[in-house]
PDB file of N, CA and C in Angstrom:
ATOM      1  N   MET A   1      85.276 -73.498  -3.572  1.00  0.00           N
ATOM      2  CA  MET A   1      83.676 -73.533  -3.034  1.00  0.00           C
ATOM      3  C   MET A   1      83.048 -74.792  -3.666  1.00  0.00           C
ATOM      4  N   ALA A   2      84.535 -75.344  -4.506  1.00  0.00           N
ATOM      5  CA  ALA A   2      83.316 -76.628  -5.458  1.00  0.00           C
ATOM      6  C   ALA A   2      83.347 -77.787  -4.658  1.00  0.00           C
ATOM      7  N   ASP A   3      82.911 -77.506  -2.963  1.00  0.00           N
ATOM      8  CA  ASP A   3      82.834 -79.087  -2.127  1.00  0.00           C
ATOM      9  C   ASP A   3      81.513 -78.066  -1.880  1.00  0.00           C
ATOM     10  N   GLU A   4      80.446 -77.383  -2.750  1.00  0.00           N
ATOM     11  CA  GLU A   4      79.569 -76.674  -1.633  1.00  0.00           C
ATOM     12  C   GLU A   4      78.547 -77.715  -2.248  1.00  0.00           C
ATOM     13  N   THR A   5      77.901 -77.783  -1.031  1.00  0.00           N
ATOM     14  CA  THR A   5      76.301 -79.160  -1.352  1.00  0.00           C
ATOM     15  C   THR A   5      75.084 -78.108  -1.376  1.00  0.00           C
ATOM     16  N   VAL A   6      73.950 -78.566  -2.305  1.00  0.00           N
ATOM     17  CA  VAL A   6      72.819 -78.116  -2.068  1.00  0.00           C
ATOM     18  C   VAL A   6      72.300 -77.568  -1.034  1.00  0.00           C
ATOM     19  N   ALA A   7      72.624 -77.817  -0.046  1.00  0.00           N
ATOM     20  CA  ALA A   7      71.939 -77.013   1.175  1.00  0.00           C
ATOM     21  C   ALA A   7      72.799 -75.966   2.039  1.00  0.00           C
ATOM     22  N   GLN A   8      73.926 -75.794   1.240  1.00  0.00           N
ATOM     23  CA  GLN A   8      74.447 -75.036   1.709  1.00  0.00           C
ATOM     24  C   GLN A   8      73.993 -73.676   0.629  1.00  0.00           C
ATOM     25  N   VAL A   9      73.730 -73.876  -0.659  1.00  0.00           N
ATOM     26  CA  VAL A   9      73.907 -72.557  -1.376  1.00  0.00           C
ATOM     27  C   VAL A   9      71.738 -72.259  -1.325  1.00  0.00           C
ATOM     28  N   ALA A  10      71.180 -73.762  -1.183  1.00  0.00           N
ATOM     29  CA  ALA A  10      70.166 -73.076  -0.491  1.00  0.00           C
ATOM     30  C   ALA A  10      69.924 -72.324   0.629  1.00  0.00           C
ATOM     31  N   GLU A  11      71.001 -72.417   0.994  1.00  0.00           N
ATOM     32  CA  GLU A  11      70.201 -71.397   2.440  1.00  0.00           C
ATOM     33  C   GLU A  11      71.757 -70.155   2.133  1.00  0.00           C
ATOM     34  N   LEU A  12      72.200 -70.491   1.768  1.00  0.00           N
ATOM     35  CA  LEU A  12      73.523 -69.349   1.319  1.00  0.00           C
ATOM     36  C   LEU A  12      71.889 -68.335   0.379  1.00  0.00           C
ATOM     37  N   TYR A  13      71.639 -68.377  -0.156  1.00  0.00           N
ATOM     38  CA  TYR A  13      70.487 -68.226  -1.310  1.00  0.00           C
ATOM     39  C   TYR A  13      68.689 -68.098  -0.833  1.00  0.00           C
ATOM     40  N   LEU A  14      68.297 -68.302  -0.004  1.00  0.00           N
ATOM     41  CA  LEU A  14      66.821 -68.427   0.960  1.00  0.00           C
ATOM     42  C   LEU A  14      66.166 -67.206   0.698  1.00  0.00           C
ATOM     43  N   GLY A  15      66.185 -66.623   1.003  1.00  0.00           N
ATOM     44  CA  GLY A  15      65.549 -64.633   0.631  1.00  0.00           C
ATOM     45  C   GLY A  15      65.387 -64.729  -0.147  1.00  0.00           C
ATOM     46  N   ASN A  16      66.129 -65.067  -1.510  1.00  0.00           N
ATOM     47  CA  ASN A  16      66.030 -65.206  -2.789  1.00  0.00           C
ATOM     48  C   ASN A  16      65.333 -66.252  -3.588  1.00  0.00           C
ATOM     49  N   ILE A  17      64.804 -67.341  -3.035  1.00  0.00           N
ATOM     50  CA  ILE A  17      64.571 -68.269  -3.082  1.00  0.00           C
ATOM     51  C   ILE A  17      63.015 -68.520  -2.593  1.00  0.00           C
ATOM     52  N   LEU A  18      62.655 -68.102  -1.619  1.00  0.00           N
ATOM     53  CA  LEU A  18      61.724 -67.492  -1.459  1.00  0.00           C
ATOM     54  C   LEU A  18      60.326 -66.737  -1.832  1.00  0.00           C
ATOM     55  N   TYR A  19      61.608 -65.433  -2.966  1.00  0.00           N
ATOM     56  CA  TYR A  19      60.804 -64.332  -3.182  1.00  0.00           C
ATOM     57  C   TYR A  19      60.778 -65.123  -4.681  1.00  0.00           C
ATOM     58  N   ALA A  20      61.408 -65.590  -4.823  1.00  0.00           N
ATOM     59  CA  ALA A  20      61.146 -66.213  -6.592  1.00  0.00           C
ATOM     60  C   ALA A  20      60.380 -66.917  -6.796  1.00  0.00           C
ATOM     61  N   ILE A  21      59.899 -67.489  -5.163  1.00  0.00           N
ATOM     62  CA  ILE A  21      58.484 -68.789  -5.028  1.00  0.00           C
ATOM     63  C   ILE A  21      57.152 -68.123  -4.837  1.00  0.00           C
ATOM     64  N   GLU A  22      57.543 -66.577  -3.998  1.00  0.00           N
ATOM     65  CA  GLU A  22      56.016 -65.978  -3.573  1.00  0.00           C
ATOM     66  C   GLU A  22      56.205 -65.305  -4.903  1.00  0.00           C
ATOM     67  N   LEU A  23      56.658 -64.726  -6.142  1.00  0.00           N
ATOM     68  CA  LEU A  23      56.477 -64.344  -7.537  1.00  0.00           C
ATOM     69  C   LEU A  23      56.015 -65.288  -8.572  1.00  0.00           C
ATOM     70  N   ALA A  24      56.206 -65.925  -8.247  1.00  0.00           N
ATOM     71  CA  ALA A  24      55.663 -67.518  -9.169  1.00  0.00           C
ATOM     72  C   ALA A  24      54.160 -67.442  -8.799  1.00  0.00           C
ATOM     73  N   ALA A  25      54.332 -67.710  -7.339  1.00  0.00           N
ATOM     74  CA  ALA A  25      52.570 -68.158  -6.296  1.00  0.00           C
ATOM     75  C   ALA A  25      52.385 -66.601  -6.794  1.00  0.00           C
ATOM     76  N   MET A  26      52.047 -65.582  -6.614  1.00  0.00           N
ATOM     77  CA  MET A  26      51.451 -64.661  -7.156  1.00  0.00           C
ATOM     78  C   MET A  26      50.658 -64.622  -8.790  1.00  0.00           C
ATOM     79  N   SER A  27      52.109 -64.876  -9.755  1.00  0.00           N
ATOM     80  CA  SER A  27      51.349 -65.365 -11.255  1.00  0.00           C
ATOM     81  C   SER A  27      51.091 -66.657 -11.132  1.00  0.00           C
ATOM     82  N   LEU A  28      50.640 -67.049 -10.342  1.00  0.00           N
ATOM     83  CA  LEU A  28      49.727 -69.034 -10.636  1.00  0.00           C
ATOM     84  C   LEU A  28      48.316 -67.757  -9.576  1.00  0.00           C
ATOM     85  N   ALA A  29      48.241 -67.387  -9.079  1.00  0.00           N
ATOM     86  CA  ALA A  29      46.975 -66.868  -8.429  1.00  0.00           C
ATOM     87  C   ALA A  29      46.261 -65.839  -9.390  1.00  0.00           C
ATOM     88  N   GLU A  30      46.770 -64.818 -10.492  1.00  0.00           N
ATOM     89  CA  GLU A  30      46.384 -63.990 -11.083  1.00  0.00           C
ATOM     90  C   GLU A  30      46.016 -64.568 -12.204  1.00  0.00           C
ATOM     91  N   GLN A  31      46.363 -65.488 -12.075  1.00  0.00           N
ATOM     92  CA  GLN A  31      46.343 -66.396 -13.885  1.00  0.00           C
ATOM     93  C   GLN A  31      44.930 -67.146 -13.146  1.00  0.00           C
ATOM     94  N   GLY A  32      44.887 -67.214 -12.236  1.00  0.00           N
ATOM     95  CA  GLY A  32      43.446 -68.546 -11.275  1.00  0.00           C
ATOM     96  C   GLY A  32      43.379 -69.662 -11.185  1.00  0.00           C
ATOM     97  N   LYS A  33      44.540 -70.320 -10.850  1.00  0.00           N
ATOM     98  CA  LYS A  33      45.826 -71.114 -10.613  1.00  0.00           C
ATOM     99  C   LYS A  33      45.468 -70.888  -9.035  1.00  0.00           C
ATOM    100  N   GLY A  34      45.106 -70.604  -8.385  1.00  0.00           N
ATOM    101  CA  GLY A  34      45.012 -70.616  -6.633  1.00  0.00           C
ATOM    102  C   GLY A  34      45.616 -71.807  -6.160  1.00  0.00           C
ATOM    103  N   ASP A  35      45.375 -73.245  -6.632  1.00  0.00           N
ATOM    104  CA  ASP A  35      45.269 -74.357  -5.657  1.00  0.00           C
ATOM    105  C   ASP A  35      47.233 -74.232  -6.351  1.00  0.00           C
ATOM    106  N   ALA A  36      47.507 -73.749  -7.602  1.00  0.00           N
ATOM    107  CA  ALA A  36      49.112 -74.047  -7.720  1.00  0.00           C
ATOM    108  C   ALA A  36      50.129 -73.088  -6.849  1.00  0.00           C
ATOM    109  N   ALA A  37      49.209 -71.658  -6.413  1.00  0.00           N
ATOM    110  CA  ALA A  37      49.637 -70.960  -6.132  1.00  0.00           C
ATOM    111  C   ALA A  37      50.388 -71.433  -4.275  1.00  0.00           C
ATOM    112  N   GLU A  38      48.600 -72.020  -3.927  1.00  0.00           N
ATOM    113  CA  GLU A  38      49.150 -72.573  -2.831  1.00  0.00           C
ATOM    114  C   GLU A  38      49.947 -73.778  -3.047  1.00  0.00           C
ATOM    115  N   TYR A  39      50.255 -74.417  -2.999  1.00  0.00           N
ATOM    116  CA  TYR A  39      51.509 -75.104  -3.272  1.00  0.00           C
ATOM    117  C   TYR A  39      52.291 -75.112  -3.210  1.00  0.00           C
ATOM    118  N   TYR A  40      52.836 -73.662  -4.440  1.00  0.00           N
ATOM    119  CA  TYR A  40      54.091 -72.911  -4.036  1.00  0.00           C
ATOM    120  C   TYR A  40      54.868 -72.281  -2.518  1.00  0.00           C
ATOM    121  N   ARG A  41      53.276 -71.799  -2.556  1.00  0.00           N
ATOM    122  CA  ARG A  41      53.388 -71.121  -1.023  1.00  0.00           C
ATOM    123  C   ARG A  41      53.920 -72.220  -0.217  1.00  0.00           C
ATOM    124  N   ALA A  42      53.145 -73.160   0.547  1.00  0.00           N
ATOM    125  CA  ALA A  42      53.371 -74.386   1.193  1.00  0.00           C
ATOM    126  C   ALA A  42      54.615 -75.023   0.990  1.00  0.00           C
ATOM    127  N   ILE A  43      55.507 -74.447  -0.268  1.00  0.00           N
ATOM    128  CA  ILE A  43      56.736 -75.258  -0.567  1.00  0.00           C
ATOM    129  C   ILE A  43      57.359 -74.381   0.262  1.00  0.00           C
ATOM    130  N   ALA A  44      57.421 -72.827   0.386  1.00  0.00           N
ATOM    131  CA  ALA A  44      58.122 -71.708   0.608  1.00  0.00           C
ATOM    132  C   ALA A  44      57.987 -71.533   2.484  1.00  0.00           C
ATOM    133  N   ARG A  45      56.619 -72.463   2.933  1.00  0.00           N
ATOM    134  CA  ARG A  45      56.474 -72.009   4.711  1.00  0.00           C
ATOM    135  C   ARG A  45      57.262 -73.612   5.189  1.00  0.00           C
ATOM    136  N   LYS A  46      57.322 -73.858   4.236  1.00  0.00           N
ATOM    137  CA  LYS A  46      58.324 -75.552   4.647  1.00  0.00           C
ATOM    138  C   LYS A  46      60.112 -74.974   4.508  1.00  0.00           C
ATOM    139  N   LEU A  47      59.921 -73.943   4.163  1.00  0.00           N
ATOM    140  CA  LEU A  47      61.322 -73.581   3.869  1.00  0.00           C
ATOM    141  C   LEU A  47      62.342 -72.733   4.977  1.00  0.00           C
ATOM    142  N   ALA A  48      61.202 -72.072   5.209  1.00  0.00           N
ATOM    143  CA  ALA A  48      61.207 -71.172   6.208  1.00  0.00           C
ATOM    144  C   ALA A  48      61.485 -71.484   7.894  1.00  0.00           C
ATOM    145  N   GLU A  49      60.372 -72.918   8.020  1.00  0.00           N
ATOM    146  CA  GLU A  49      60.008 -72.837   8.931  1.00  0.00           C
ATOM    147  C   GLU A  49      61.566 -73.746   9.628  1.00  0.00           C
ATOM    148  N   ALA A  50      61.791 -74.799   8.075  1.00  0.00           N
ATOM    149  CA  ALA A  50      62.664 -75.857   8.660  1.00  0.00           C
ATOM    150  C   ALA A  50      64.562 -74.744   8.743  1.00  0.00           C
ATOM    151  N   HIS A  51      64.848 -73.580   8.410  1.00  0.00           N
ATOM    152  CA  HIS A  51      65.339 -72.715   8.338  1.00  0.00           C
ATOM    153  C   HIS A  51      65.858 -71.643   9.566  1.00  0.00           C
ATOM    154  N   GLY A  52      64.396 -71.764  10.433  1.00  0.00           N
ATOM    155  CA  GLY A  52      64.275 -71.457  11.714  1.00  0.00           C
ATOM    156  C   GLY A  52      64.326 -72.371  12.556  1.00  0.00           C
ATOM    157  N   ARG A  53      64.127 -73.758  12.197  1.00  0.00           N
ATOM    158  CA  ARG A  53      64.394 -74.565  13.354  1.00  0.00           C
ATOM    159  C   ARG A  53      65.370 -74.570  12.817  1.00  0.00           C
ATOM    160  N   ALA A  54      66.878 -74.678  11.761  1.00  0.00           N
ATOM    161  CA  ALA A  54      68.172 -74.704  11.600  1.00  0.00           C
ATOM    162  C   ALA A  54      68.613 -73.603  13.271  1.00  0.00           C
ATOM    163  N   ARG A  55      68.225 -72.846  12.125  1.00  0.00           N
ATOM    164  CA  ARG A  55      68.904 -71.027  13.423  1.00  0.00           C
ATOM    165  C   ARG A  55      68.597 -71.584  14.730  1.00  0.00           C
ATOM    166  N   LYS A  56      67.286 -71.809  15.153  1.00  0.00           N
ATOM    167  CA  LYS A  56      67.137 -71.979  16.832  1.00  0.00           C
ATOM    168  C   LYS A  56      68.293 -73.279  17.588  1.00  0.00           C
ATOM    169  N   GLY A  57      68.983 -73.992  16.742  1.00  0.00           N
ATOM    170  CA  GLY A  57      69.789 -74.937  16.770  1.00  0.00           C
ATOM    171  C   GLY A  57      70.700 -74.476  16.970  1.00  0.00           C
ATOM    172  N   GLU A  58      71.634 -73.438  16.346  1.00  0.00           N
ATOM    173  CA  GLU A  58      72.392 -73.003  16.424  1.00  0.00           C
ATOM    174  C   GLU A  58      72.902 -72.490  17.358  1.00  0.00           C
ATOM    175  N   GLY A  59      71.605 -71.275  17.978  1.00  0.00           N
ATOM    176  CA  GLY A  59      72.491 -70.542  19.371  1.00  0.00           C
ATOM    177  C   GLY A  59      71.838 -71.442  20.212  1.00  0.00           C
ATOM    178  N   ALA A  60      71.539 -72.668  20.859  1.00  0.00           N
ATOM    179  CA  ALA A  60      71.319 -72.824  21.576  1.00  0.00           C
ATOM    180  C   ALA A  60      72.510 -73.922  22.499  1.00  0.00           C
TER     181      ALA A  60
END
């Protein structure tokens, strides 16, 4: 498994990554840093959307 790419590892752990990003966003929102929270949520959305597009491509 030494030849794993960043993309392969990120795909494998995407659920965990999205969860961690949301925890960070929630913490930032609680600190009154709404803009920063939205920034991280936007990153999470981009990751989730890219994953969805990739999955659709696999089924085609």
